[in-house]
Structure formats: structure tokens, C-alpha cells
Amino acid sequence: MPQGTVKFFNESKGFGFIVPDNGEPEIFVHVTGIVDQIRENDKVSYEVENGKKGLNATQVKRA
């Protein structure tokens, strides 16, 4: 399961971005893909799925 750091998350809009630890481009995360409540700078683990506009993080949990 990949890991990364929450770069940005806007609770009111329900989306944000995760920076993967492996140096790959940041990944979009939507509130529907979150298991644990997350905040900016949290270390997280997640799954990756193809979305309409690119990769999306799902099953996002604090690491």
C-alpha cells in the first residue's frame, strides 16, 4: 500500500492532494475515498485508482 503526506485538504470542499513518498506526482483525494479524518501534513497510506481526470487516492488512512 503506497504512503505519502497530505499536501492540501479542504474539508469544506471535500478534496485535496497527497504527495507520494516515492517521488511520483501528487495524487487527488476526494472525501469519498477517505477512511480516517485527515489534515495537511498527515502521513497516510492509500490505494490508487484511475479517475476521470487521472489518478485518485482511495482507502486513505492515517499511517
PDB file of N, CA and C in Angstrom:
ATOM      1  N   MET A   1       0.860  -1.178   0.000  1.00  0.00           N
ATOM      2  CA  MET A   1       0.000   0.000   0.000  1.00  0.00           C
ATOM      3  C   MET A   1       0.905   1.240   0.000  1.00  0.00           C
ATOM      4  N   PRO A   2       0.761   2.121  -0.989  1.00  0.00           N
ATOM      5  CA  PRO A   2       1.598   3.334  -1.050  1.00  0.00           C
ATOM      6  C   PRO A   2       1.381   4.236   0.158  1.00  0.00           C
ATOM      7  N   GLN A   3       2.397   5.032   0.459  1.00  0.00           N
ATOM      8  CA  GLN A   3       2.298   6.008   1.536  1.00  0.00           C
ATOM      9  C   GLN A   3       2.716   7.372   1.028  1.00  0.00           C
ATOM     10  N   GLY A   4       2.243   8.409   1.719  1.00  0.00           N
ATOM     11  CA  GLY A   4       2.581   9.766   1.336  1.00  0.00           C
ATOM     12  C   GLY A   4       2.177  10.746   2.423  1.00  0.00           C
ATOM     13  N   THR A   5       2.238  12.026   2.077  1.00  0.00           N
ATOM     14  CA  THR A   5       1.905  13.102   3.007  1.00  0.00           C
ATOM     15  C   THR A   5       0.816  13.969   2.394  1.00  0.00           C
ATOM     16  N   VAL A   6      -0.166  14.337   3.211  1.00  0.00           N
ATOM     17  CA  VAL A   6      -1.242  15.201   2.741  1.00  0.00           C
ATOM     18  C   VAL A   6      -0.662  16.602   2.529  1.00  0.00           C
ATOM     19  N   LYS A   7      -0.663  17.057   1.281  1.00  0.00           N
ATOM     20  CA  LYS A   7      -0.141  18.381   0.942  1.00  0.00           C
ATOM     21  C   LYS A   7      -1.186  19.450   1.230  1.00  0.00           C
ATOM     22  N   PHE A   8      -2.426  19.133   0.892  1.00  0.00           N
ATOM     23  CA  PHE A   8      -3.529  20.094   0.997  1.00  0.00           C
ATOM     24  C   PHE A   8      -4.815  19.305   1.156  1.00  0.00           C
ATOM     25  N   PHE A   9      -5.696  19.753   2.044  1.00  0.00           N
ATOM     26  CA  PHE A   9      -7.029  19.165   2.120  1.00  0.00           C
ATOM     27  C   PHE A   9      -8.005  20.221   2.591  1.00  0.00           C
ATOM     28  N   ASN A  10      -9.039  20.474   1.797  1.00  0.00           N
ATOM     29  CA  ASN A  10     -10.066  21.460   2.108  1.00  0.00           C
ATOM     30  C   ASN A  10     -11.319  20.709   2.546  1.00  0.00           C
ATOM     31  N   GLU A  11     -11.592  20.713   3.855  1.00  0.00           N
ATOM     32  CA  GLU A  11     -12.752  19.974   4.373  1.00  0.00           C
ATOM     33  C   GLU A  11     -14.065  20.487   3.820  1.00  0.00           C
ATOM     34  N   SER A  12     -14.210  21.798   3.668  1.00  0.00           N
ATOM     35  CA  SER A  12     -15.483  22.344   3.199  1.00  0.00           C
ATOM     36  C   SER A  12     -15.763  21.987   1.737  1.00  0.00           C
ATOM     37  N   LYS A  13     -14.721  21.869   0.932  1.00  0.00           N
ATOM     38  CA  LYS A  13     -14.909  21.489  -0.478  1.00  0.00           C
ATOM     39  C   LYS A  13     -14.785  19.982  -0.684  1.00  0.00           C
ATOM     40  N   GLY A  14     -14.182  19.273   0.284  1.00  0.00           N
ATOM     41  CA  GLY A  14     -14.137  17.816   0.237  1.00  0.00           C
ATOM     42  C   GLY A  14     -13.082  17.212  -0.666  1.00  0.00           C
ATOM     43  N   PHE A  15     -11.970  17.912  -0.883  1.00  0.00           N
ATOM     44  CA  PHE A  15     -10.917  17.335  -1.706  1.00  0.00           C
ATOM     45  C   PHE A  15      -9.555  17.867  -1.285  1.00  0.00           C
ATOM     46  N   GLY A  16      -8.518  17.209  -1.801  1.00  0.00           N
ATOM     47  CA  GLY A  16      -7.147  17.635  -1.527  1.00  0.00           C
ATOM     48  C   GLY A  16      -6.163  16.840  -2.360  1.00  0.00           C
ATOM     49  N   PHE A  17      -4.884  16.894  -1.950  1.00  0.00           N
ATOM     50  CA  PHE A  17      -3.826  16.219  -2.691  1.00  0.00           C
ATOM     51  C   PHE A  17      -2.848  15.560  -1.735  1.00  0.00           C
ATOM     52  N   ILE A  18      -2.321  14.411  -2.159  1.00  0.00           N
ATOM     53  CA  ILE A  18      -1.316  13.667  -1.404  1.00  0.00           C
ATOM     54  C   ILE A  18      -0.036  13.638  -2.223  1.00  0.00           C
ATOM     55  N   VAL A  19       1.114  13.884  -1.560  1.00  0.00           N
ATOM     56  CA  VAL A  19       2.421  13.764  -2.198  1.00  0.00           C
ATOM     57  C   VAL A  19       2.969  12.382  -1.842  1.00  0.00           C
ATOM     58  N   PRO A  20       3.107  11.487  -2.827  1.00  0.00           N
ATOM     59  CA  PRO A  20       3.619  10.144  -2.549  1.00  0.00           C
ATOM     60  C   PRO A  20       5.074  10.167  -2.062  1.00  0.00           C
ATOM     61  N   ASP A  21       5.418   9.233  -1.167  1.00  0.00           N
ATOM     62  CA  ASP A  21       6.783   9.123  -0.661  1.00  0.00           C
ATOM     63  C   ASP A  21       7.776   8.695  -1.741  1.00  0.00           C
ATOM     64  N   ASN A  22       7.292   8.026  -2.796  1.00  0.00           N
ATOM     65  CA  ASN A  22       8.185   7.506  -3.830  1.00  0.00           C
ATOM     66  C   ASN A  22       8.548   8.533  -4.903  1.00  0.00           C
ATOM     67  N   GLY A  23       8.137   9.786  -4.731  1.00  0.00           N
ATOM     68  CA  GLY A  23       8.521  10.837  -5.665  1.00  0.00           C
ATOM     69  C   GLY A  23       7.625  10.977  -6.887  1.00  0.00           C
ATOM     70  N   GLU A  24       6.591  10.168  -6.997  1.00  0.00           N
ATOM     71  CA  GLU A  24       5.666  10.283  -8.127  1.00  0.00           C
ATOM     72  C   GLU A  24       4.843  11.566  -7.978  1.00  0.00           C
ATOM     73  N   PRO A  25       4.169  11.982  -9.056  1.00  0.00           N
ATOM     74  CA  PRO A  25       3.351  13.209  -8.989  1.00  0.00           C
ATOM     75  C   PRO A  25       2.254  13.096  -7.928  1.00  0.00           C
ATOM     76  N   GLU A  26       1.826  14.251  -7.409  1.00  0.00           N
ATOM     77  CA  GLU A  26       0.800  14.244  -6.366  1.00  0.00           C
ATOM     78  C   GLU A  26      -0.494  13.631  -6.882  1.00  0.00           C
ATOM     79  N   ILE A  27      -1.272  13.107  -5.942  1.00  0.00           N
ATOM     80  CA  ILE A  27      -2.494  12.366  -6.265  1.00  0.00           C
ATOM     81  C   ILE A  27      -3.698  13.068  -5.647  1.00  0.00           C
ATOM     82  N   PHE A  28      -4.752  13.186  -6.424  1.00  0.00           N
ATOM     83  CA  PHE A  28      -6.008  13.785  -5.977  1.00  0.00           C
ATOM     84  C   PHE A  28      -6.692  12.866  -4.971  1.00  0.00           C
ATOM     85  N   VAL A  29      -7.282  13.449  -3.934  1.00  0.00           N
ATOM     86  CA  VAL A  29      -8.079  12.677  -2.979  1.00  0.00           C
ATOM     87  C   VAL A  29      -9.404  13.401  -2.745  1.00  0.00           C
ATOM     88  N   HIS A  30     -10.499  12.631  -2.824  1.00  0.00           N
ATOM     89  CA  HIS A  30     -11.844  13.171  -2.589  1.00  0.00           C
ATOM     90  C   HIS A  30     -12.341  12.616  -1.264  1.00  0.00           C
ATOM     91  N   VAL A  31     -13.198  13.361  -0.611  1.00  0.00           N
ATOM     92  CA  VAL A  31     -13.716  12.969   0.696  1.00  0.00           C
ATOM     93  C   VAL A  31     -14.331  11.566   0.679  1.00  0.00           C
ATOM     94  N   THR A  32     -14.859  11.119  -0.438  1.00  0.00           N
ATOM     95  CA  THR A  32     -15.469   9.791  -0.526  1.00  0.00           C
ATOM     96  C   THR A  32     -14.424   8.676  -0.454  1.00  0.00           C
ATOM     97  N   GLY A  33     -13.134   8.999  -0.662  1.00  0.00           N
ATOM     98  CA  GLY A  33     -12.082   7.998  -0.608  1.00  0.00           C
ATOM     99  C   GLY A  33     -11.339   7.947   0.712  1.00  0.00           C
ATOM    100  N   ILE A  34     -11.841   8.675   1.710  1.00  0.00           N
ATOM    101  CA  ILE A  34     -11.139   8.781   2.989  1.00  0.00           C
ATOM    102  C   ILE A  34     -11.772   7.877   4.032  1.00  0.00           C
ATOM    103  N   VAL A  35     -10.934   7.093   4.726  1.00  0.00           N
ATOM    104  CA  VAL A  35     -11.400   6.225   5.805  1.00  0.00           C
ATOM    105  C   VAL A  35     -11.259   6.944   7.144  1.00  0.00           C
ATOM    106  N   ASP A  36     -10.074   7.512   7.411  1.00  0.00           N
ATOM    107  CA  ASP A  36      -9.810   8.282   8.636  1.00  0.00           C
ATOM    108  C   ASP A  36      -9.845   9.762   8.299  1.00  0.00           C
ATOM    109  N   GLN A  37     -10.192  10.587   9.278  1.00  0.00           N
ATOM    110  CA  GLN A  37     -10.144  12.039   9.061  1.00  0.00           C
ATOM    111  C   GLN A  37      -8.686  12.441   8.845  1.00  0.00           C
ATOM    112  N   ILE A  38      -8.429  13.275   7.833  1.00  0.00           N
ATOM    113  CA  ILE A  38      -7.061  13.698   7.525  1.00  0.00           C
ATOM    114  C   ILE A  38      -6.946  15.213   7.552  1.00  0.00           C
ATOM    115  N   ARG A  39      -5.703  15.664   7.788  1.00  0.00           N
ATOM    116  CA  ARG A  39      -5.378  17.090   7.770  1.00  0.00           C
ATOM    117  C   ARG A  39      -4.067  17.260   7.015  1.00  0.00           C
ATOM    118  N   GLU A  40      -3.766  18.490   6.666  1.00  0.00           N
ATOM    119  CA  GLU A  40      -2.500  18.770   5.996  1.00  0.00           C
ATOM    120  C   GLU A  40      -1.339  18.281   6.850  1.00  0.00           C
ATOM    121  N   ASN A  41      -0.321  17.743   6.184  1.00  0.00           N
ATOM    122  CA  ASN A  41       0.913  17.211   6.769  1.00  0.00           C
ATOM    123  C   ASN A  41       0.756  15.857   7.453  1.00  0.00           C
ATOM    124  N   ASP A  42      -0.439  15.250   7.426  1.00  0.00           N
ATOM    125  CA  ASP A  42      -0.599  13.898   7.960  1.00  0.00           C
ATOM    126  C   ASP A  42       0.093  12.900   7.046  1.00  0.00           C
ATOM    127  N   LYS A  43       0.746  11.894   7.637  1.00  0.00           N
ATOM    128  CA  LYS A  43       1.271  10.761   6.875  1.00  0.00           C
ATOM    129  C   LYS A  43       0.110   9.802   6.665  1.00  0.00           C
ATOM    130  N   VAL A  44      -0.076   9.334   5.427  1.00  0.00           N
ATOM    131  CA  VAL A  44      -1.204   8.470   5.107  1.00  0.00           C
ATOM    132  C   VAL A  44      -0.772   7.290   4.237  1.00  0.00           C
ATOM    133  N   SER A  45      -1.582   6.242   4.268  1.00  0.00           N
ATOM    134  CA  SER A  45      -1.456   5.143   3.315  1.00  0.00           C
ATOM    135  C   SER A  45      -2.737   5.160   2.492  1.00  0.00           C
ATOM    136  N   TYR A  46      -2.671   4.624   1.281  1.00  0.00           N
ATOM    137  CA  TYR A  46      -3.816   4.731   0.374  1.00  0.00           C
ATOM    138  C   TYR A  46      -3.695   3.730  -0.761  1.00  0.00           C
ATOM    139  N   GLU A  47      -4.784   3.537  -1.468  1.00  0.00           N
ATOM    140  CA  GLU A  47      -4.824   2.773  -2.712  1.00  0.00           C
ATOM    141  C   GLU A  47      -4.942   3.778  -3.855  1.00  0.00           C
ATOM    142  N   VAL A  48      -4.582   3.370  -5.059  1.00  0.00           N
ATOM    143  CA  VAL A  48      -4.648   4.258  -6.217  1.00  0.00           C
ATOM    144  C   VAL A  48      -5.608   3.676  -7.254  1.00  0.00           C
ATOM    145  N   GLU A  49      -6.509   4.522  -7.755  1.00  0.00           N
ATOM    146  CA  GLU A  49      -7.439   4.129  -8.814  1.00  0.00           C
ATOM    147  C   GLU A  49      -7.409   5.173  -9.919  1.00  0.00           C
ATOM    148  N   ASN A  50      -7.729   4.754 -11.130  1.00  0.00           N
ATOM    149  CA  ASN A  50      -7.859   5.692 -12.237  1.00  0.00           C
ATOM    150  C   ASN A  50      -9.201   6.400 -12.121  1.00  0.00           C
ATOM    151  N   GLY A  51      -9.164   7.736 -12.202  1.00  0.00           N
ATOM    152  CA  GLY A  51     -10.383   8.527 -12.173  1.00  0.00           C
ATOM    153  C   GLY A  51     -10.603   9.190 -13.520  1.00  0.00           C
ATOM    154  N   LYS A  52     -11.613  10.036 -13.600  1.00  0.00           N
ATOM    155  CA  LYS A  52     -11.929  10.719 -14.854  1.00  0.00           C
ATOM    156  C   LYS A  52     -10.809  11.637 -15.320  1.00  0.00           C
ATOM    157  N   LYS A  53     -10.080  12.228 -14.368  1.00  0.00           N
ATOM    158  CA  LYS A  53      -9.037  13.196 -14.727  1.00  0.00           C
ATOM    159  C   LYS A  53      -7.642  12.755 -14.307  1.00  0.00           C
ATOM    160  N   GLY A  54      -7.467  11.475 -14.027  1.00  0.00           N
ATOM    161  CA  GLY A  54      -6.151  10.995 -13.606  1.00  0.00           C
ATOM    162  C   GLY A  54      -6.259  10.085 -12.401  1.00  0.00           C
ATOM    163  N   LEU A  55      -5.164   9.953 -11.671  1.00  0.00           N
ATOM    164  CA  LEU A  55      -5.131   9.050 -10.526  1.00  0.00           C
ATOM    165  C   LEU A  55      -5.829   9.656  -9.310  1.00  0.00           C
ATOM    166  N   ASN A  56      -6.546   8.802  -8.585  1.00  0.00           N
ATOM    167  CA  ASN A  56      -7.238   9.200  -7.362  1.00  0.00           C
ATOM    168  C   ASN A  56      -6.791   8.285  -6.224  1.00  0.00           C
ATOM    169  N   ALA A  57      -6.625   8.861  -5.043  1.00  0.00           N
ATOM    170  CA  ALA A  57      -6.336   8.074  -3.847  1.00  0.00           C
ATOM    171  C   ALA A  57      -7.655   7.628  -3.234  1.00  0.00           C
ATOM    172  N   THR A  58      -7.719   6.340  -2.855  1.00  0.00           N
ATOM    173  CA  THR A  58      -8.889   5.793  -2.172  1.00  0.00           C
ATOM    174  C   THR A  58      -8.404   5.041  -0.940  1.00  0.00           C
ATOM    175  N   GLN A  59      -9.325   4.666  -0.078  1.00  0.00           N
ATOM    176  CA  GLN A  59      -8.988   3.943   1.154  1.00  0.00           C
ATOM    177  C   GLN A  59      -7.883   4.653   1.935  1.00  0.00           C
ATOM    178  N   VAL A  60      -7.970   5.988   2.010  1.00  0.00           N
ATOM    179  CA  VAL A  60      -6.939   6.808   2.649  1.00  0.00           C
ATOM    180  C   VAL A  60      -7.056   6.696   4.168  1.00  0.00           C
ATOM    181  N   LYS A  61      -5.944   6.274   4.800  1.00  0.00           N
ATOM    182  CA  LYS A  61      -5.893   6.112   6.258  1.00  0.00           C
ATOM    183  C   LYS A  61      -4.637   6.779   6.793  1.00  0.00           C
ATOM    184  N   ARG A  62      -4.720   7.325   8.003  1.00  0.00           N
ATOM    185  CA  ARG A  62      -3.520   7.872   8.632  1.00  0.00           C
ATOM    186  C   ARG A  62      -2.549   6.726   8.876  1.00  0.00           C
ATOM    187  N   ALA A  63      -1.282   6.978   8.597  1.00  0.00           N
ATOM    188  CA  ALA A  63      -0.256   5.943   8.767  1.00  0.00           C
ATOM    189  C   ALA A  63       0.311   5.967  10.169  1.00  0.00           C
TER     190      ALA A  63
END
